[in-house]
Amino acid sequence: MNSLNYNNILITGGSGYIGSVLVPALLYLNYNVTVIDNFYYKQTSLLPNCYSKNFTIINGDCRDEKLLTEHLNKCGVVIPLAAIVGAPLCSKDPFNAKSINEDAIIKLCSLLKEGHRVIYPTTNSGYGIGQKGKFCDENTPLNPISLYGKTKVAAEKAVLGRKNSISYRLATVFGTSSRMRLDLLVNDFVYRAVNDKCVTIFEGHFKRNYIHIRDVVRAFLFAISNFSRMKGNAYNVGLNKANLSKLELCAIIKKSLPEFIFREDSTGFDLDKRDYIVSNDKLMSLGFNPLDSLESGIEELKKAYVFIKNNHYSNV
């Protein structure tokens, strides 16, 4: 008999960029939320949620087997957000990248009961370099080229190896969070457009897909509500209208910030070599539709950068 309570949700890394938007959304819907986080960046983004009797916060490590087991017994849904995120940071800290992004997820899967529901966020950078003019969908072979992509692909394999799981292959996320990040491409370029009025681009033809952070949160809520018909599958999560090269992205930013100047430097290179366009039709065929456009996100970021003036918010 399954005794798991699906109103109780465990989130590792829940005080990060995505978790800081997701947690209050879940509490608003009366879920009981437990967050395990080591607060590596000394973030206080979840402070406004401490009023809620439905909110539990633990200062701990996502690799702590005893801690995980204790709290897995109290929850029915698990959202593992804890990760070393991005190609540059993973290259800088390869040990923890593999330990947290891959090994910890494999260990988590071994601790789960059959009835536990997992909604796992990975990255569509697992597609690596796509075929020119051909959309990557969920059947496209994964070919990660960065350590970040490789660890996340390995973790997704473990997650989908159990029946009761969903994997979300997230496009590059943008938008504001109370635990802000400036190192994400849209967030970074708009920051530079607002403060420096210019940016130099390497390999400007490289394309990728984008999604607003609030739409990522909506996708998690959608998965919780529609888990039974979605389980056992991976889904791309992005904006079909936002498969853009870096140069195309800058041109859109310039429409909102006319003083912005951008140029391409052919002598440099991008550490993150991914280059692909993505189809998000599979998830949208189930009834999920993103609500926030790239343009609205740029306007939002312009307001945020009135008072965010340093790189303290970057994962570097």
C-alpha atoms as a PDB file:
ATOM      1  CA  MET A   1       0.000   0.000   0.000  1.00  0.00           C
ATOM      2  CA  ASN A   2       1.356   3.431  -0.953  1.00  0.00           C
ATOM      3  CA  SER A   3       1.425   5.655   2.148  1.00  0.00           C
ATOM      4  CA  LEU A   4       3.272   8.580   0.559  1.00  0.00           C
ATOM      5  CA  ASN A   5       1.710  12.038   0.854  1.00  0.00           C
ATOM      6  CA  TYR A   6       1.879  13.859  -2.492  1.00  0.00           C
ATOM      7  CA  ASN A   7       1.024  17.141  -0.808  1.00  0.00           C
ATOM      8  CA  ASN A   8       4.448  17.006   0.863  1.00  0.00           C
ATOM      9  CA  ILE A   9       7.266  18.137  -1.430  1.00  0.00           C
ATOM     10  CA  LEU A  10      11.020  17.851  -0.831  1.00  0.00           C
ATOM     11  CA  ILE A  11      13.289  20.225  -2.761  1.00  0.00           C
ATOM     12  CA  THR A  12      17.073  20.014  -2.652  1.00  0.00           C
ATOM     13  CA  GLY A  13      18.845  23.257  -3.521  1.00  0.00           C
ATOM     14  CA  GLY A  14      15.571  25.064  -2.931  1.00  0.00           C
ATOM     15  CA  SER A  15      17.095  28.443  -2.098  1.00  0.00           C
ATOM     16  CA  GLY A  16      18.725  28.782  -5.515  1.00  0.00           C
ATOM     17  CA  TYR A  17      17.647  30.778  -8.556  1.00  0.00           C
ATOM     18  CA  ILE A  18      14.689  28.577  -9.507  1.00  0.00           C
ATOM     19  CA  GLY A  19      13.818  27.359  -6.019  1.00  0.00           C
ATOM     20  CA  SER A  20      13.442  30.888  -4.698  1.00  0.00           C
ATOM     21  CA  VAL A  21      10.545  31.408  -7.134  1.00  0.00           C
ATOM     22  CA  LEU A  22       9.173  27.859  -6.947  1.00  0.00           C
ATOM     23  CA  VAL A  23       8.942  27.550  -3.150  1.00  0.00           C
ATOM     24  CA  PRO A  24       6.585  30.515  -2.571  1.00  0.00           C
ATOM     25  CA  ALA A  25       4.446  29.367  -5.519  1.00  0.00           C
ATOM     26  CA  LEU A  26       4.037  25.931  -3.924  1.00  0.00           C
ATOM     27  CA  LEU A  27       3.298  27.387  -0.490  1.00  0.00           C
ATOM     28  CA  TYR A  28       0.660  29.640  -2.041  1.00  0.00           C
ATOM     29  CA  LEU A  29      -1.063  26.498  -3.330  1.00  0.00           C
ATOM     30  CA  ASN A  30      -0.960  24.993   0.205  1.00  0.00           C
ATOM     31  CA  TYR A  31       1.663  22.345  -0.423  1.00  0.00           C
ATOM     32  CA  ASN A  32       3.943  21.407   2.468  1.00  0.00           C
ATOM     33  CA  VAL A  33       7.474  22.236   1.318  1.00  0.00           C
ATOM     34  CA  THR A  34      10.756  21.051   2.822  1.00  0.00           C
ATOM     35  CA  VAL A  35      13.976  22.556   1.481  1.00  0.00           C
ATOM     36  CA  ILE A  36      17.449  21.084   1.962  1.00  0.00           C
ATOM     37  CA  ASP A  37      20.185  23.549   0.990  1.00  0.00           C
ATOM     38  CA  ASN A  38      23.766  24.256   2.074  1.00  0.00           C
ATOM     39  CA  PHE A  39      23.396  28.016   1.401  1.00  0.00           C
ATOM     40  CA  TYR A  40      26.732  28.068  -0.394  1.00  0.00           C
ATOM     41  CA  TYR A  41      26.150  31.594  -1.669  1.00  0.00           C
ATOM     42  CA  LYS A  42      24.918  32.838   1.748  1.00  0.00           C
ATOM     43  CA  GLN A  43      21.601  33.646   0.110  1.00  0.00           C
ATOM     44  CA  THR A  44      18.605  34.733   2.194  1.00  0.00           C
ATOM     45  CA  SER A  45      16.059  34.515  -0.605  1.00  0.00           C
ATOM     46  CA  LEU A  46      13.640  32.251   1.284  1.00  0.00           C
ATOM     47  CA  LEU A  47      13.298  34.510   4.334  1.00  0.00           C
ATOM     48  CA  PRO A  48       9.825  35.791   3.325  1.00  0.00           C
ATOM     49  CA  ASN A  49       8.537  32.195   3.440  1.00  0.00           C
ATOM     50  CA  CYS A  50       9.506  31.510   7.046  1.00  0.00           C
ATOM     51  CA  TYR A  51       6.108  32.785   8.213  1.00  0.00           C
ATOM     52  CA  SER A  52       4.420  29.726   6.695  1.00  0.00           C
ATOM     53  CA  LYS A  53       3.614  26.735   8.919  1.00  0.00           C
ATOM     54  CA  ASN A  54       3.872  24.619   5.751  1.00  0.00           C
ATOM     55  CA  PHE A  55       7.541  25.519   5.204  1.00  0.00           C
ATOM     56  CA  THR A  56      10.500  23.563   6.614  1.00  0.00           C
ATOM     57  CA  ILE A  57      14.117  24.536   5.956  1.00  0.00           C
ATOM     58  CA  ILE A  58      17.202  22.402   6.636  1.00  0.00           C
ATOM     59  CA  ASN A  59      20.788  23.548   6.321  1.00  0.00           C
ATOM     60  CA  GLY A  60      22.291  20.392   4.896  1.00  0.00           C
ATOM     61  CA  ASP A  61      23.942  18.643   1.961  1.00  0.00           C
ATOM     62  CA  CYS A  62      22.053  16.911  -0.850  1.00  0.00           C
ATOM     63  CA  ARG A  63      24.637  14.099  -0.625  1.00  0.00           C
ATOM     64  CA  ASP A  64      23.844  13.312   3.041  1.00  0.00           C
ATOM     65  CA  GLU A  65      22.219   9.881   2.810  1.00  0.00           C
ATOM     66  CA  LYS A  66      20.924   9.854   6.393  1.00  0.00           C
ATOM     67  CA  LEU A  67      19.381  13.310   6.016  1.00  0.00           C
ATOM     68  CA  LEU A  68      17.768  12.426   2.703  1.00  0.00           C
ATOM     69  CA  THR A  69      16.314   9.170   4.020  1.00  0.00           C
ATOM     70  CA  GLU A  70      14.778  10.937   7.010  1.00  0.00           C
ATOM     71  CA  HIS A  71      12.934  13.470   4.882  1.00  0.00           C
ATOM     72  CA  LEU A  72      12.088  11.177   1.975  1.00  0.00           C
ATOM     73  CA  ASN A  73       9.976   9.190   4.418  1.00  0.00           C
ATOM     74  CA  LYS A  74       7.839  12.298   4.967  1.00  0.00           C
ATOM     75  CA  CYS A  75       7.243  13.353   1.359  1.00  0.00           C
ATOM     76  CA  GLY A  76       5.719  12.023  -1.843  1.00  0.00           C
ATOM     77  CA  VAL A  77       7.190  14.426  -4.430  1.00  0.00           C
ATOM     78  CA  VAL A  78      10.900  15.158  -4.875  1.00  0.00           C
ATOM     79  CA  ILE A  79      12.334  18.040  -6.923  1.00  0.00           C
ATOM     80  CA  PRO A  80      16.156  17.824  -6.979  1.00  0.00           C
ATOM     81  CA  LEU A  81      17.313  21.358  -7.837  1.00  0.00           C
ATOM     82  CA  ALA A  82      20.720  21.155  -6.107  1.00  0.00           C
ATOM     83  CA  ALA A  83      23.443  21.376  -8.768  1.00  0.00           C
ATOM     84  CA  ILE A  84      26.671  22.981  -9.879  1.00  0.00           C
ATOM     85  CA  VAL A  85      25.132  24.906 -12.760  1.00  0.00           C
ATOM     86  CA  GLY A  86      26.714  25.941 -16.039  1.00  0.00           C
ATOM     87  CA  ALA A  87      29.707  24.887 -18.106  1.00  0.00           C
ATOM     88  CA  PRO A  88      32.188  27.448 -16.669  1.00  0.00           C
ATOM     89  CA  LEU A  89      31.509  26.608 -13.022  1.00  0.00           C
ATOM     90  CA  CYS A  90      31.594  22.858 -13.645  1.00  0.00           C
ATOM     91  CA  SER A  91      34.948  23.213 -15.413  1.00  0.00           C
ATOM     92  CA  LYS A  92      36.208  25.211 -12.446  1.00  0.00           C
ATOM     93  CA  ASP A  93      35.038  22.625  -9.894  1.00  0.00           C
ATOM     94  CA  PRO A  94      34.849  19.242 -11.660  1.00  0.00           C
ATOM     95  CA  PHE A  95      34.851  17.144  -8.482  1.00  0.00           C
ATOM     96  CA  ASN A  96      31.763  18.742  -6.981  1.00  0.00           C
ATOM     97  CA  ALA A  97      30.151  18.971 -10.422  1.00  0.00           C
ATOM     98  CA  LYS A  98      30.187  15.184 -10.746  1.00  0.00           C
ATOM     99  CA  SER A  99      29.510  14.578  -7.058  1.00  0.00           C
ATOM    100  CA  ILE A 100      26.446  16.845  -6.864  1.00  0.00           C
ATOM    101  CA  ASN A 101      25.078  16.791 -10.410  1.00  0.00           C
ATOM    102  CA  GLU A 102      25.491  13.086 -11.088  1.00  0.00           C
ATOM    103  CA  ASP A 103      26.471  10.932  -8.106  1.00  0.00           C
ATOM    104  CA  ALA A 104      24.023  12.570  -5.689  1.00  0.00           C
ATOM    105  CA  ILE A 105      21.126  12.001  -8.107  1.00  0.00           C
ATOM    106  CA  ILE A 106      22.063   8.355  -8.604  1.00  0.00           C
ATOM    107  CA  LYS A 107      22.209   7.934  -4.823  1.00  0.00           C
ATOM    108  CA  LEU A 108      18.867   9.715  -4.415  1.00  0.00           C
ATOM    109  CA  CYS A 109      17.246   7.340  -6.908  1.00  0.00           C
ATOM    110  CA  SER A 110      18.529   4.365  -4.909  1.00  0.00           C
ATOM    111  CA  LEU A 111      16.875   5.731  -1.756  1.00  0.00           C
ATOM    112  CA  LEU A 112      13.463   6.373  -3.273  1.00  0.00           C
ATOM    113  CA  LYS A 113      10.447   4.185  -2.766  1.00  0.00           C
ATOM    114  CA  GLU A 114       8.613   3.019  -5.881  1.00  0.00           C
ATOM    115  CA  GLY A 115       5.799   5.482  -5.215  1.00  0.00           C
ATOM    116  CA  HIS A 116       7.968   8.572  -4.899  1.00  0.00           C
ATOM    117  CA  ARG A 117       7.344  11.055  -7.706  1.00  0.00           C
ATOM    118  CA  VAL A 118      10.417  12.832  -9.056  1.00  0.00           C
ATOM    119  CA  ILE A 119      10.398  15.937 -11.235  1.00  0.00           C
ATOM    120  CA  TYR A 120      13.983  16.448 -12.333  1.00  0.00           C
ATOM    121  CA  PRO A 121      15.314  19.594 -14.025  1.00  0.00           C
ATOM    122  CA  THR A 122      18.131  18.955 -16.446  1.00  0.00           C
ATOM    123  CA  THR A 123      19.365  21.091 -19.353  1.00  0.00           C
ATOM    124  CA  ASN A 124      18.831  20.926 -23.083  1.00  0.00           C
ATOM    125  CA  SER A 125      22.558  21.579 -23.417  1.00  0.00           C
ATOM    126  CA  GLY A 126      22.655  17.774 -23.453  1.00  0.00           C
ATOM    127  CA  TYR A 127      21.891  18.069 -27.167  1.00  0.00           C
ATOM    128  CA  GLY A 128      25.369  19.549 -27.660  1.00  0.00           C
ATOM    129  CA  ILE A 129      25.682  20.642 -31.283  1.00  0.00           C
ATOM    130  CA  GLY A 130      22.526  20.100 -33.309  1.00  0.00           C
ATOM    131  CA  GLN A 131      22.122  19.624 -37.039  1.00  0.00           C
ATOM    132  CA  LYS A 132      21.768  22.927 -38.857  1.00  0.00           C
ATOM    133  CA  GLY A 133      18.117  23.804 -39.441  1.00  0.00           C
ATOM    134  CA  LYS A 134      16.842  20.690 -37.635  1.00  0.00           C
ATOM    135  CA  PHE A 135      14.985  20.980 -34.336  1.00  0.00           C
ATOM    136  CA  CYS A 136      16.092  18.873 -31.388  1.00  0.00           C
ATOM    137  CA  ASP A 137      13.142  17.047 -29.861  1.00  0.00           C
ATOM    138  CA  GLU A 138      13.016  14.505 -27.047  1.00  0.00           C
ATOM    139  CA  ASN A 139      13.969  11.697 -29.459  1.00  0.00           C
ATOM    140  CA  THR A 140      17.130  13.463 -30.632  1.00  0.00           C
ATOM    141  CA  PRO A 141      20.245  11.590 -29.451  1.00  0.00           C
ATOM    142  CA  LEU A 142      21.966  13.326 -26.546  1.00  0.00           C
ATOM    143  CA  ASN A 143      25.529  14.397 -27.241  1.00  0.00           C
ATOM    144  CA  PRO A 144      26.733  16.651 -24.388  1.00  0.00           C
ATOM    145  CA  ILE A 145      30.038  18.413 -24.957  1.00  0.00           C
ATOM    146  CA  SER A 146      30.631  20.085 -21.580  1.00  0.00           C
ATOM    147  CA  LEU A 147      31.157  18.457 -18.187  1.00  0.00           C
ATOM    148  CA  TYR A 148      27.958  20.177 -17.056  1.00  0.00           C
ATOM    149  CA  GLY A 149      25.983  18.581 -19.882  1.00  0.00           C
ATOM    150  CA  LYS A 150      27.569  15.170 -19.341  1.00  0.00           C
ATOM    151  CA  THR A 151      26.776  15.045 -15.609  1.00  0.00           C
ATOM    152  CA  LYS A 152      23.188  16.155 -16.165  1.00  0.00           C
ATOM    153  CA  VAL A 153      22.630  13.631 -18.962  1.00  0.00           C
ATOM    154  CA  ALA A 154      23.971  10.828 -16.747  1.00  0.00           C
ATOM    155  CA  ALA A 155      21.689  11.938 -13.920  1.00  0.00           C
ATOM    156  CA  GLU A 156      18.663  12.079 -16.217  1.00  0.00           C
ATOM    157  CA  LYS A 157      19.341   8.502 -17.299  1.00  0.00           C
ATOM    158  CA  ALA A 158      19.219   7.397 -13.661  1.00  0.00           C
ATOM    159  CA  VAL A 159      16.036   9.381 -13.005  1.00  0.00           C
ATOM    160  CA  LEU A 160      14.200   8.023 -16.044  1.00  0.00           C
ATOM    161  CA  GLY A 161      15.440   4.536 -15.188  1.00  0.00           C
ATOM    162  CA  ARG A 162      12.644   4.452 -12.619  1.00  0.00           C
ATOM    163  CA  LYS A 163       9.009   4.544 -13.766  1.00  0.00           C
ATOM    164  CA  ASN A 164       7.752   7.326 -11.502  1.00  0.00           C
ATOM    165  CA  SER A 165       9.811  10.242 -12.812  1.00  0.00           C
ATOM    166  CA  ILE A 166       9.631  13.204 -15.178  1.00  0.00           C
ATOM    167  CA  SER A 167      12.652  14.999 -16.634  1.00  0.00           C
ATOM    168  CA  TYR A 168      12.471  18.606 -17.771  1.00  0.00           C
ATOM    169  CA  ARG A 169      15.160  19.639 -20.252  1.00  0.00           C
ATOM    170  CA  LEU A 170      15.223  23.349 -19.537  1.00  0.00           C
ATOM    171  CA  ALA A 171      16.160  25.967 -22.084  1.00  0.00           C
ATOM    172  CA  THR A 172      18.450  28.782 -20.903  1.00  0.00           C
ATOM    173  CA  VAL A 173      16.433  30.464 -18.154  1.00  0.00           C
ATOM    174  CA  PHE A 174      16.041  34.232 -17.816  1.00  0.00           C
ATOM    175  CA  GLY A 175      14.181  36.644 -15.542  1.00  0.00           C
ATOM    176  CA  THR A 176      14.345  37.860 -11.963  1.00  0.00           C
ATOM    177  CA  SER A 177      14.503  35.838  -8.775  1.00  0.00           C
ATOM    178  CA  SER A 178      15.105  36.808  -5.167  1.00  0.00           C
ATOM    179  CA  ARG A 179      18.257  34.674  -5.530  1.00  0.00           C
ATOM    180  CA  MET A 180      19.337  36.449  -8.707  1.00  0.00           C
ATOM    181  CA  ARG A 181      21.826  35.143 -11.256  1.00  0.00           C
ATOM    182  CA  LEU A 182      23.661  37.376 -13.701  1.00  0.00           C
ATOM    183  CA  ASP A 183      25.682  34.670 -15.456  1.00  0.00           C
ATOM    184  CA  LEU A 184      22.738  33.349 -17.502  1.00  0.00           C
ATOM    185  CA  LEU A 185      22.951  34.624 -21.072  1.00  0.00           C
ATOM    186  CA  VAL A 186      19.874  36.888 -21.309  1.00  0.00           C
ATOM    187  CA  ASN A 187      20.348  38.161 -17.751  1.00  0.00           C
ATOM    188  CA  ASP A 188      24.027  38.819 -18.484  1.00  0.00           C
ATOM    189  CA  PHE A 189      23.525  40.602 -21.817  1.00  0.00           C
ATOM    190  CA  VAL A 190      20.768  42.844 -20.468  1.00  0.00           C
ATOM    191  CA  TYR A 191      22.926  43.691 -17.449  1.00  0.00           C
ATOM    192  CA  ARG A 192      25.739  44.716 -19.780  1.00  0.00           C
ATOM    193  CA  ALA A 193      23.356  46.666 -22.004  1.00  0.00           C
ATOM    194  CA  VAL A 194      22.035  48.614 -19.011  1.00  0.00           C
ATOM    195  CA  ASN A 195      25.326  49.243 -17.232  1.00  0.00           C
ATOM    196  CA  ASP A 196      28.098  49.074 -19.844  1.00  0.00           C
ATOM    197  CA  LYS A 197      26.049  49.927 -22.936  1.00  0.00           C
ATOM    198  CA  CYS A 198      28.105  47.382 -24.889  1.00  0.00           C
ATOM    199  CA  VAL A 199      29.143  43.741 -25.144  1.00  0.00           C
ATOM    200  CA  THR A 200      31.675  41.757 -27.156  1.00  0.00           C
ATOM    201  CA  ILE A 201      30.380  38.424 -28.423  1.00  0.00           C
ATOM    202  CA  PHE A 202      32.323  35.298 -29.240  1.00  0.00           C
ATOM    203  CA  GLU A 203      30.855  32.819 -31.746  1.00  0.00           C
ATOM    204  CA  GLY A 204      27.740  34.918 -32.165  1.00  0.00           C
ATOM    205  CA  HIS A 205      26.086  32.460 -34.555  1.00  0.00           C
ATOM    206  CA  PHE A 206      25.695  29.819 -31.828  1.00  0.00           C
ATOM    207  CA  LYS A 207      21.987  29.280 -31.170  1.00  0.00           C
ATOM    208  CA  ARG A 208      20.082  28.138 -28.118  1.00  0.00           C
ATOM    209  CA  ASN A 209      16.569  28.238 -26.697  1.00  0.00           C
ATOM    210  CA  TYR A 210      15.240  30.400 -23.819  1.00  0.00           C
ATOM    211  CA  ILE A 211      12.521  30.267 -21.148  1.00  0.00           C
ATOM    212  CA  HIS A 212      11.370  32.657 -18.410  1.00  0.00           C
ATOM    213  CA  ILE A 213      11.882  31.517 -14.818  1.00  0.00           C
ATOM    214  CA  ARG A 214       8.185  31.959 -14.018  1.00  0.00           C
ATOM    215  CA  ASP A 215       7.333  29.627 -16.892  1.00  0.00           C
ATOM    216  CA  VAL A 216       9.788  27.083 -15.476  1.00  0.00           C
ATOM    217  CA  VAL A 217       7.884  27.283 -12.182  1.00  0.00           C
ATOM    218  CA  ARG A 218       4.574  26.941 -14.037  1.00  0.00           C
ATOM    219  CA  ALA A 219       5.995  23.844 -15.739  1.00  0.00           C
ATOM    220  CA  PHE A 220       6.788  22.278 -12.358  1.00  0.00           C
ATOM    221  CA  LEU A 221       3.266  23.019 -11.125  1.00  0.00           C
ATOM    222  CA  PHE A 222       1.887  21.547 -14.356  1.00  0.00           C
ATOM    223  CA  ALA A 223       3.917  18.358 -13.817  1.00  0.00           C
ATOM    224  CA  ILE A 224       2.672  17.985 -10.239  1.00  0.00           C
ATOM    225  CA  SER A 225      -0.947  18.307 -11.395  1.00  0.00           C
ATOM    226  CA  ASN A 226      -0.515  16.059 -14.444  1.00  0.00           C
ATOM    227  CA  PHE A 227       2.029  13.584 -13.160  1.00  0.00           C
ATOM    228  CA  SER A 228       0.194  10.363 -13.975  1.00  0.00           C
ATOM    229  CA  ARG A 229      -0.049  11.115 -17.697  1.00  0.00           C
ATOM    230  CA  MET A 230       3.447  12.598 -17.938  1.00  0.00           C
ATOM    231  CA  LYS A 231       5.583  10.151 -15.965  1.00  0.00           C
ATOM    232  CA  GLY A 232       8.352   8.166 -17.584  1.00  0.00           C
ATOM    233  CA  ASN A 233       9.213  10.879 -20.097  1.00  0.00           C
ATOM    234  CA  ALA A 234      11.552  13.763 -20.789  1.00  0.00           C
ATOM    235  CA  TYR A 235      10.155  17.100 -21.974  1.00  0.00           C
ATOM    236  CA  ASN A 236      11.848  20.137 -23.472  1.00  0.00           C
ATOM    237  CA  VAL A 237      10.800  23.340 -21.696  1.00  0.00           C
ATOM    238  CA  GLY A 238      11.367  26.499 -23.711  1.00  0.00           C
ATOM    239  CA  LEU A 239       9.867  29.148 -25.968  1.00  0.00           C
ATOM    240  CA  ASN A 240       9.405  27.982 -29.546  1.00  0.00           C
ATOM    241  CA  LYS A 241       9.714  31.624 -30.645  1.00  0.00           C
ATOM    242  CA  ALA A 242      13.057  32.009 -28.876  1.00  0.00           C
ATOM    243  CA  ASN A 243      15.501  29.784 -30.759  1.00  0.00           C
ATOM    244  CA  LEU A 244      18.037  32.556 -31.218  1.00  0.00           C
ATOM    245  CA  SER A 245      21.697  33.130 -31.895  1.00  0.00           C
ATOM    246  CA  LYS A 246      23.628  35.449 -29.583  1.00  0.00           C
ATOM    247  CA  LEU A 247      23.608  38.116 -32.286  1.00  0.00           C
ATOM    248  CA  GLU A 248      19.839  37.784 -32.726  1.00  0.00           C
ATOM    249  CA  LEU A 249      19.382  38.029 -28.952  1.00  0.00           C
ATOM    250  CA  CYS A 250      21.439  41.215 -28.822  1.00  0.00           C
ATOM    251  CA  ALA A 251      19.384  42.730 -31.646  1.00  0.00           C
ATOM    252  CA  ILE A 252      16.205  42.149 -29.626  1.00  0.00           C
ATOM    253  CA  ILE A 253      17.788  43.696 -26.514  1.00  0.00           C
ATOM    254  CA  LYS A 254      18.807  46.714 -28.594  1.00  0.00           C
ATOM    255  CA  LYS A 255      15.166  47.361 -29.510  1.00  0.00           C
ATOM    256  CA  SER A 256      14.501  47.929 -25.811  1.00  0.00           C
ATOM    257  CA  LEU A 257      17.828  49.654 -25.106  1.00  0.00           C
ATOM    258  CA  PRO A 258      18.751  51.631 -28.260  1.00  0.00           C
ATOM    259  CA  GLU A 259      22.088  52.833 -26.859  1.00  0.00           C
ATOM    260  CA  PHE A 260      23.288  49.233 -26.579  1.00  0.00           C
ATOM    261  CA  ILE A 261      26.226  48.422 -28.889  1.00  0.00           C
ATOM    262  CA  PHE A 262      27.329  44.851 -29.601  1.00  0.00           C
ATOM    263  CA  ARG A 263      30.066  43.468 -31.782  1.00  0.00           C
ATOM    264  CA  GLU A 264      31.449  40.045 -32.592  1.00  0.00           C
ATOM    265  CA  ASP A 265      35.116  39.187 -31.979  1.00  0.00           C
ATOM    266  CA  SER A 266      36.326  36.352 -34.202  1.00  0.00           C
ATOM    267  CA  THR A 267      39.576  35.922 -32.246  1.00  0.00           C
ATOM    268  CA  GLY A 268      37.918  34.506 -29.108  1.00  0.00           C
ATOM    269  CA  PHE A 269      35.842  31.416 -28.362  1.00  0.00           C
ATOM    270  CA  ASP A 270      32.995  30.348 -26.116  1.00  0.00           C
ATOM    271  CA  LEU A 271      33.756  27.730 -23.457  1.00  0.00           C
ATOM    272  CA  ASP A 272      30.168  26.493 -23.812  1.00  0.00           C
ATOM    273  CA  LYS A 273      30.139  25.157 -27.385  1.00  0.00           C
ATOM    274  CA  ARG A 274      26.471  24.153 -27.563  1.00  0.00           C
ATOM    275  CA  ASP A 275      24.620  25.204 -30.683  1.00  0.00           C
ATOM    276  CA  TYR A 276      21.110  23.939 -31.412  1.00  0.00           C
ATOM    277  CA  ILE A 277      17.453  24.810 -31.950  1.00  0.00           C
ATOM    278  CA  VAL A 278      14.786  23.065 -29.896  1.00  0.00           C
ATOM    279  CA  SER A 279      11.170  21.945 -30.317  1.00  0.00           C
ATOM    280  CA  ASN A 280       8.998  22.260 -27.212  1.00  0.00           C
ATOM    281  CA  ASP A 281       5.897  20.815 -28.877  1.00  0.00           C
ATOM    282  CA  LYS A 282       5.732  17.647 -26.776  1.00  0.00           C
ATOM    283  CA  LEU A 283       4.987  19.484 -23.535  1.00  0.00           C
ATOM    284  CA  MET A 284       2.715  22.012 -25.203  1.00  0.00           C
ATOM    285  CA  SER A 285       0.680  19.201 -26.786  1.00  0.00           C
ATOM    286  CA  LEU A 286      -0.364  18.287 -23.237  1.00  0.00           C
ATOM    287  CA  GLY A 287      -1.779  21.755 -22.634  1.00  0.00           C
ATOM    288  CA  PHE A 288       1.175  23.649 -21.170  1.00  0.00           C
ATOM    289  CA  ASN A 289       1.816  27.078 -22.668  1.00  0.00           C
ATOM    290  CA  PRO A 290       4.517  29.557 -21.587  1.00  0.00           C
ATOM    291  CA  LEU A 291       3.138  32.978 -20.669  1.00  0.00           C
ATOM    292  CA  ASP A 292       6.227  35.220 -20.507  1.00  0.00           C
ATOM    293  CA  SER A 293       7.980  36.385 -23.667  1.00  0.00           C
ATOM    294  CA  LEU A 294      11.633  37.215 -24.107  1.00  0.00           C
ATOM    295  CA  GLU A 295      10.693  40.865 -24.629  1.00  0.00           C
ATOM    296  CA  SER A 296       8.724  41.074 -21.365  1.00  0.00           C
ATOM    297  CA  GLY A 297      11.651  39.470 -19.559  1.00  0.00           C
ATOM    298  CA  ILE A 298      14.029  42.108 -20.918  1.00  0.00           C
ATOM    299  CA  GLU A 299      11.744  44.880 -19.612  1.00  0.00           C
ATOM    300  CA  GLU A 300      11.636  43.152 -16.225  1.00  0.00           C
ATOM    301  CA  LEU A 301      15.422  42.861 -16.074  1.00  0.00           C
ATOM    302  CA  LYS A 302      15.836  46.560 -16.960  1.00  0.00           C
ATOM    303  CA  LYS A 303      13.932  47.414 -13.773  1.00  0.00           C
ATOM    304  CA  ALA A 304      15.961  44.968 -11.679  1.00  0.00           C
ATOM    305  CA  TYR A 305      19.267  46.408 -12.833  1.00  0.00           C
ATOM    306  CA  VAL A 306      18.366  49.814 -11.451  1.00  0.00           C
ATOM    307  CA  PHE A 307      19.507  48.439  -8.080  1.00  0.00           C
ATOM    308  CA  ILE A 308      21.581  45.340  -8.941  1.00  0.00           C
ATOM    309  CA  LYS A 309      25.006  46.750  -9.686  1.00  0.00           C
ATOM    310  CA  ASN A 310      27.584  44.028  -9.098  1.00  0.00           C
ATOM    311  CA  ASN A 311      28.423  40.441 -10.002  1.00  0.00           C
ATOM    312  CA  HIS A 312      27.753  39.077  -6.511  1.00  0.00           C
ATOM    313  CA  TYR A 313      24.797  37.304  -8.087  1.00  0.00           C
ATOM    314  CA  SER A 314      26.792  35.230 -10.580  1.00  0.00           C
ATOM    315  CA  ASN A 315      27.532  31.505 -10.135  1.00  0.00           C
ATOM    316  CA  VAL A 316      31.270  32.033 -10.646  1.00  0.00           C
END
